[in-house]
Amino acid sequence: MDGDTYWTMFWRIAVPLARPALIVTAIFQFQASWTDLPQPLIYLHSDKLYTLSLGLFQLLNQYGPSGGGSGQYQLIIAGLVISTIPMIVVFFVGQRYFVEGIVTQGSKG
């Protein structure tokens, strides 16, 4: 460590210690962006640019009982299940960092 600059010490010491917290924060931010409905609803005006949340909202309006449909819930639930699969995959990929962060914080005296 002798002769290292503050920047290299930061990358060699602080970032590896903070990696679990940074990865968990990135997963939470990804999940918040994945399920965000109001912000894309404000900015997007074209059907071609809709996010998954807006597409599910459109599906609910089209096939739900309030949208004039006959309440075809099997289509709505199928869309919800398909939209949940990527978040489950992200959780299982990042699960190691959740546990590592808990172990690291729990072992301090």
N, C-alpha and C. Protein backbone atom coordinates (compact mmCIF):
# COMPACT_ATOMS: atom_id res chain seq x y z
N MET A 1 0.80 -1.19 0.00
CA MET A 1 0.00 0.00 0.00
C MET A 1 0.86 1.27 0.00
N ASP A 2 2.15 1.10 0.25
CA ASP A 2 3.01 2.27 0.23
C ASP A 2 3.10 2.82 -1.19
N GLY A 3 2.95 4.09 -1.32
CA GLY A 3 3.06 4.74 -2.61
C GLY A 3 1.75 4.77 -3.38
N ASP A 4 0.70 4.17 -2.85
CA ASP A 4 -0.59 4.21 -3.53
C ASP A 4 -1.24 5.57 -3.35
N THR A 5 -1.96 5.96 -4.36
CA THR A 5 -2.73 7.20 -4.26
C THR A 5 -4.04 6.90 -3.53
N TYR A 6 -4.76 7.94 -3.17
CA TYR A 6 -6.04 7.76 -2.52
C TYR A 6 -7.01 7.00 -3.43
N TRP A 7 -6.91 7.25 -4.71
CA TRP A 7 -7.81 6.60 -5.66
C TRP A 7 -7.57 5.09 -5.71
N THR A 8 -6.31 4.64 -5.74
CA THR A 8 -6.04 3.21 -5.77
C THR A 8 -6.37 2.55 -4.43
N MET A 9 -6.17 3.26 -3.32
CA MET A 9 -6.58 2.71 -2.03
C MET A 9 -8.10 2.56 -1.96
N PHE A 10 -8.79 3.52 -2.53
CA PHE A 10 -10.25 3.44 -2.57
C PHE A 10 -10.69 2.20 -3.35
N TRP A 11 -10.08 1.97 -4.52
CA TRP A 11 -10.47 0.84 -5.35
C TRP A 11 -10.01 -0.49 -4.78
N ARG A 12 -8.92 -0.52 -4.02
CA ARG A 12 -8.42 -1.78 -3.47
C ARG A 12 -9.00 -2.13 -2.10
N ILE A 13 -9.45 -1.12 -1.33
CA ILE A 13 -9.92 -1.39 0.02
C ILE A 13 -11.42 -1.12 0.16
N ALA A 14 -11.86 0.07 -0.18
CA ALA A 14 -13.24 0.47 0.08
C ALA A 14 -14.25 -0.22 -0.84
N VAL A 15 -13.94 -0.30 -2.12
CA VAL A 15 -14.89 -0.90 -3.07
C VAL A 15 -15.11 -2.39 -2.80
N PRO A 16 -14.07 -3.19 -2.57
CA PRO A 16 -14.34 -4.60 -2.25
C PRO A 16 -15.16 -4.79 -0.97
N LEU A 17 -14.96 -3.93 0.02
CA LEU A 17 -15.75 -4.04 1.24
C LEU A 17 -17.20 -3.61 1.02
N ALA A 18 -17.41 -2.66 0.13
CA ALA A 18 -18.75 -2.15 -0.13
C ALA A 18 -19.46 -2.87 -1.27
N ARG A 19 -18.81 -3.83 -1.91
CA ARG A 19 -19.39 -4.50 -3.08
C ARG A 19 -20.76 -5.13 -2.79
N PRO A 20 -20.96 -5.86 -1.68
CA PRO A 20 -22.30 -6.41 -1.45
C PRO A 20 -23.37 -5.33 -1.33
N ALA A 21 -23.06 -4.25 -0.63
CA ALA A 21 -24.04 -3.17 -0.48
C ALA A 21 -24.32 -2.49 -1.81
N LEU A 22 -23.30 -2.31 -2.63
CA LEU A 22 -23.52 -1.69 -3.95
C LEU A 22 -24.34 -2.59 -4.86
N ILE A 23 -24.11 -3.89 -4.82
CA ILE A 23 -24.87 -4.81 -5.67
C ILE A 23 -26.33 -4.89 -5.20
N VAL A 24 -26.54 -4.94 -3.89
CA VAL A 24 -27.92 -4.96 -3.38
C VAL A 24 -28.64 -3.67 -3.75
N THR A 25 -27.96 -2.54 -3.65
CA THR A 25 -28.56 -1.27 -4.05
C THR A 25 -28.90 -1.27 -5.54
N ALA A 26 -28.03 -1.82 -6.37
CA ALA A 26 -28.29 -1.89 -7.80
C ALA A 26 -29.49 -2.80 -8.09
N ILE A 27 -29.61 -3.90 -7.35
CA ILE A 27 -30.76 -4.79 -7.54
C ILE A 27 -32.05 -4.09 -7.13
N PHE A 28 -32.03 -3.38 -6.01
CA PHE A 28 -33.22 -2.65 -5.58
C PHE A 28 -33.61 -1.56 -6.59
N GLN A 29 -32.62 -0.87 -7.15
CA GLN A 29 -32.90 0.17 -8.13
C GLN A 29 -33.47 -0.44 -9.42
N PHE A 30 -32.91 -1.58 -9.83
CA PHE A 30 -33.44 -2.27 -11.00
C PHE A 30 -34.88 -2.69 -10.78
N GLN A 31 -35.18 -3.20 -9.59
CA GLN A 31 -36.55 -3.62 -9.29
C GLN A 31 -37.49 -2.42 -9.26
N ALA A 32 -37.06 -1.31 -8.72
CA ALA A 32 -37.90 -0.12 -8.69
C ALA A 32 -38.16 0.41 -10.10
N SER A 33 -37.16 0.36 -10.95
CA SER A 33 -37.34 0.81 -12.33
C SER A 33 -38.20 -0.17 -13.12
N TRP A 34 -38.08 -1.45 -12.81
CA TRP A 34 -38.82 -2.49 -13.53
C TRP A 34 -40.32 -2.36 -13.28
N THR A 35 -40.70 -2.01 -12.05
CA THR A 35 -42.11 -1.95 -11.70
C THR A 35 -42.66 -0.52 -11.69
N ASP A 36 -41.91 0.44 -12.16
CA ASP A 36 -42.36 1.83 -12.13
C ASP A 36 -43.45 2.06 -13.15
N LEU A 37 -44.59 2.55 -12.71
CA LEU A 37 -45.69 2.84 -13.62
C LEU A 37 -45.88 4.34 -13.86
N PRO A 38 -45.88 5.20 -12.84
CA PRO A 38 -46.21 6.60 -13.09
C PRO A 38 -45.22 7.36 -13.98
N GLN A 39 -43.94 7.14 -13.81
CA GLN A 39 -42.97 7.91 -14.60
C GLN A 39 -43.06 7.61 -16.10
N PRO A 40 -43.08 6.34 -16.53
CA PRO A 40 -43.25 6.10 -17.97
C PRO A 40 -44.61 6.56 -18.47
N LEU A 41 -45.62 6.52 -17.60
CA LEU A 41 -46.95 6.97 -17.99
C LEU A 41 -46.94 8.46 -18.32
N ILE A 42 -46.10 9.21 -17.65
CA ILE A 42 -45.99 10.64 -17.90
C ILE A 42 -45.23 10.92 -19.19
N TYR A 43 -44.12 10.21 -19.41
CA TYR A 43 -43.20 10.55 -20.49
C TYR A 43 -43.53 9.90 -21.83
N LEU A 44 -44.08 8.71 -21.83
CA LEU A 44 -44.27 7.97 -23.07
C LEU A 44 -45.68 8.20 -23.63
N HIS A 45 -45.74 8.48 -24.90
CA HIS A 45 -47.03 8.72 -25.55
C HIS A 45 -47.28 7.77 -26.71
N SER A 46 -46.32 6.96 -27.07
CA SER A 46 -46.46 6.04 -28.17
C SER A 46 -46.60 4.62 -27.64
N ASP A 47 -47.50 3.85 -28.21
CA ASP A 47 -47.69 2.47 -27.77
C ASP A 47 -46.45 1.61 -28.01
N LYS A 48 -45.64 1.96 -28.98
CA LYS A 48 -44.45 1.19 -29.31
C LYS A 48 -43.35 1.34 -28.25
N LEU A 49 -43.39 2.40 -27.46
CA LEU A 49 -42.36 2.66 -26.46
C LEU A 49 -42.76 2.26 -25.05
N TYR A 50 -43.93 1.66 -24.88
CA TYR A 50 -44.42 1.32 -23.55
C TYR A 50 -43.49 0.35 -22.83
N THR A 51 -43.35 0.56 -21.55
CA THR A 51 -42.60 -0.37 -20.71
C THR A 51 -43.49 -1.54 -20.34
N LEU A 52 -42.93 -2.50 -19.63
CA LEU A 52 -43.69 -3.68 -19.25
C LEU A 52 -44.84 -3.32 -18.32
N SER A 53 -44.61 -2.41 -17.39
CA SER A 53 -45.67 -2.01 -16.46
C SER A 53 -46.82 -1.35 -17.20
N LEU A 54 -46.51 -0.51 -18.15
CA LEU A 54 -47.57 0.12 -18.94
C LEU A 54 -48.29 -0.90 -19.81
N GLY A 55 -47.58 -1.87 -20.32
CA GLY A 55 -48.22 -2.93 -21.10
C GLY A 55 -49.18 -3.74 -20.25
N LEU A 56 -48.78 -4.04 -19.02
CA LEU A 56 -49.67 -4.77 -18.12
C LEU A 56 -50.89 -3.93 -17.74
N PHE A 57 -50.68 -2.65 -17.57
CA PHE A 57 -51.79 -1.74 -17.28
C PHE A 57 -52.75 -1.70 -18.46
N GLN A 58 -52.21 -1.66 -19.66
CA GLN A 58 -53.03 -1.68 -20.87
C GLN A 58 -53.78 -3.01 -20.98
N LEU A 59 -53.13 -4.11 -20.64
CA LEU A 59 -53.76 -5.43 -20.65
C LEU A 59 -54.91 -5.48 -19.65
N LEU A 60 -54.70 -4.91 -18.48
CA LEU A 60 -55.76 -4.86 -17.47
C LEU A 60 -56.93 -4.01 -17.94
N ASN A 61 -56.64 -2.90 -18.59
CA ASN A 61 -57.72 -2.06 -19.10
C ASN A 61 -58.49 -2.74 -20.23
N GLN A 62 -57.80 -3.53 -21.02
CA GLN A 62 -58.44 -4.17 -22.16
C GLN A 62 -59.26 -5.41 -21.75
N TYR A 63 -58.70 -6.24 -20.89
CA TYR A 63 -59.33 -7.50 -20.55
C TYR A 63 -59.95 -7.55 -19.16
N GLY A 64 -59.78 -6.52 -18.38
CA GLY A 64 -60.37 -6.50 -17.05
C GLY A 64 -61.85 -6.16 -17.12
N PRO A 65 -62.56 -6.35 -16.01
CA PRO A 65 -64.00 -6.09 -16.02
C PRO A 65 -64.34 -4.62 -16.17
N SER A 66 -63.46 -3.73 -15.71
CA SER A 66 -63.76 -2.30 -15.83
C SER A 66 -63.48 -1.76 -17.22
N GLY A 67 -62.73 -2.49 -18.04
CA GLY A 67 -62.39 -2.05 -19.38
C GLY A 67 -63.37 -2.51 -20.44
N GLY A 68 -64.49 -3.03 -20.03
CA GLY A 68 -65.47 -3.49 -21.01
C GLY A 68 -65.28 -4.93 -21.41
N GLY A 69 -64.21 -5.54 -20.92
CA GLY A 69 -63.96 -6.94 -21.23
C GLY A 69 -64.81 -7.84 -20.34
N SER A 70 -64.72 -9.11 -20.57
CA SER A 70 -65.51 -10.06 -19.80
C SER A 70 -64.75 -10.57 -18.58
N GLY A 71 -63.68 -9.91 -18.22
CA GLY A 71 -62.89 -10.31 -17.06
C GLY A 71 -62.06 -11.55 -17.33
N GLN A 72 -61.28 -11.54 -18.38
CA GLN A 72 -60.44 -12.68 -18.73
C GLN A 72 -59.16 -12.61 -17.90
N TYR A 73 -59.27 -13.08 -16.68
CA TYR A 73 -58.17 -12.96 -15.73
C TYR A 73 -57.00 -13.86 -16.07
N GLN A 74 -57.23 -14.94 -16.82
CA GLN A 74 -56.12 -15.83 -17.17
C GLN A 74 -55.08 -15.09 -18.02
N LEU A 75 -55.50 -14.17 -18.87
CA LEU A 75 -54.55 -13.39 -19.68
C LEU A 75 -53.77 -12.41 -18.81
N ILE A 76 -54.45 -11.80 -17.88
CA ILE A 76 -53.81 -10.83 -16.99
C ILE A 76 -52.79 -11.53 -16.09
N ILE A 77 -53.17 -12.66 -15.51
CA ILE A 77 -52.26 -13.40 -14.64
C ILE A 77 -51.07 -13.94 -15.42
N ALA A 78 -51.29 -14.39 -16.66
CA ALA A 78 -50.18 -14.88 -17.48
C ALA A 78 -49.18 -13.75 -17.74
N GLY A 79 -49.67 -12.55 -18.02
CA GLY A 79 -48.78 -11.40 -18.21
C GLY A 79 -48.02 -11.05 -16.95
N LEU A 80 -48.68 -11.14 -15.80
CA LEU A 80 -48.01 -10.85 -14.53
C LEU A 80 -46.93 -11.88 -14.21
N VAL A 81 -47.20 -13.14 -14.49
CA VAL A 81 -46.21 -14.19 -14.24
C VAL A 81 -44.99 -14.00 -15.14
N ILE A 82 -45.24 -13.71 -16.40
CA ILE A 82 -44.13 -13.49 -17.34
C ILE A 82 -43.30 -12.27 -16.93
N SER A 83 -43.95 -11.25 -16.42
CA SER A 83 -43.21 -10.05 -16.01
C SER A 83 -42.44 -10.27 -14.71
N THR A 84 -42.81 -11.26 -13.92
CA THR A 84 -42.13 -11.54 -12.66
C THR A 84 -40.88 -12.39 -12.84
N ILE A 85 -40.83 -13.18 -13.87
CA ILE A 85 -39.71 -14.12 -14.08
C ILE A 85 -38.35 -13.42 -14.10
N PRO A 86 -38.15 -12.30 -14.81
CA PRO A 86 -36.82 -11.66 -14.77
C PRO A 86 -36.42 -11.19 -13.37
N MET A 87 -37.37 -10.74 -12.56
CA MET A 87 -37.03 -10.30 -11.21
C MET A 87 -36.63 -11.49 -10.34
N ILE A 88 -37.23 -12.64 -10.55
CA ILE A 88 -36.85 -13.84 -9.81
C ILE A 88 -35.43 -14.25 -10.18
N VAL A 89 -35.11 -14.18 -11.46
CA VAL A 89 -33.76 -14.52 -11.92
C VAL A 89 -32.73 -13.56 -11.32
N VAL A 90 -33.05 -12.26 -11.32
CA VAL A 90 -32.13 -11.27 -10.75
C VAL A 90 -31.93 -11.52 -9.26
N PHE A 91 -33.00 -11.88 -8.57
CA PHE A 91 -32.86 -12.17 -7.14
C PHE A 91 -31.96 -13.38 -6.91
N PHE A 92 -32.15 -14.46 -7.67
CA PHE A 92 -31.32 -15.64 -7.44
C PHE A 92 -29.87 -15.39 -7.82
N VAL A 93 -29.62 -14.53 -8.79
CA VAL A 93 -28.24 -14.18 -9.14
C VAL A 93 -27.62 -13.34 -8.03
N GLY A 94 -28.39 -12.42 -7.45
CA GLY A 94 -27.86 -11.53 -6.42
C GLY A 94 -28.04 -12.02 -5.00
N GLN A 95 -28.64 -13.20 -4.81
CA GLN A 95 -28.90 -13.72 -3.48
C GLN A 95 -27.61 -13.90 -2.67
N ARG A 96 -26.55 -14.28 -3.33
CA ARG A 96 -25.27 -14.46 -2.65
C ARG A 96 -24.82 -13.16 -1.99
N TYR A 97 -25.04 -12.03 -2.65
CA TYR A 97 -24.61 -10.75 -2.10
C TYR A 97 -25.52 -10.29 -0.97
N PHE A 98 -26.81 -10.66 -1.01
CA PHE A 98 -27.69 -10.38 0.13
C PHE A 98 -27.15 -11.08 1.37
N VAL A 99 -26.87 -12.37 1.25
CA VAL A 99 -26.40 -13.16 2.38
C VAL A 99 -25.03 -12.66 2.84
N GLU A 100 -24.15 -12.35 1.90
CA GLU A 100 -22.81 -11.87 2.24
C GLU A 100 -22.89 -10.56 3.01
N GLY A 101 -23.79 -9.67 2.61
CA GLY A 101 -23.96 -8.41 3.32
C GLY A 101 -24.49 -8.60 4.73
N ILE A 102 -25.41 -9.54 4.89
CA ILE A 102 -25.95 -9.82 6.22
C ILE A 102 -24.88 -10.45 7.11
N VAL A 103 -24.11 -11.37 6.58
CA VAL A 103 -23.05 -12.02 7.36
C VAL A 103 -21.98 -11.01 7.75
N THR A 104 -21.62 -10.14 6.83
CA THR A 104 -20.58 -9.14 7.11
C THR A 104 -21.05 -8.18 8.21
N GLN A 105 -22.29 -7.74 8.14
CA GLN A 105 -22.80 -6.81 9.15
C GLN A 105 -23.06 -7.51 10.47
N GLY A 106 -23.46 -8.77 10.43
CA GLY A 106 -23.77 -9.49 11.65
C GLY A 106 -22.54 -9.93 12.44
N SER A 107 -21.40 -10.06 11.78
CA SER A 107 -20.21 -10.56 12.46
C SER A 107 -19.43 -9.46 13.18
N LYS A 108 -19.78 -8.21 12.97
CA LYS A 108 -19.06 -7.13 13.65
C LYS A 108 -19.53 -7.06 15.09
N GLY A 109 -18.58 -6.89 15.98
CA GLY A 109 -18.85 -6.96 17.39
C GLY A 109 -19.42 -5.76 18.00
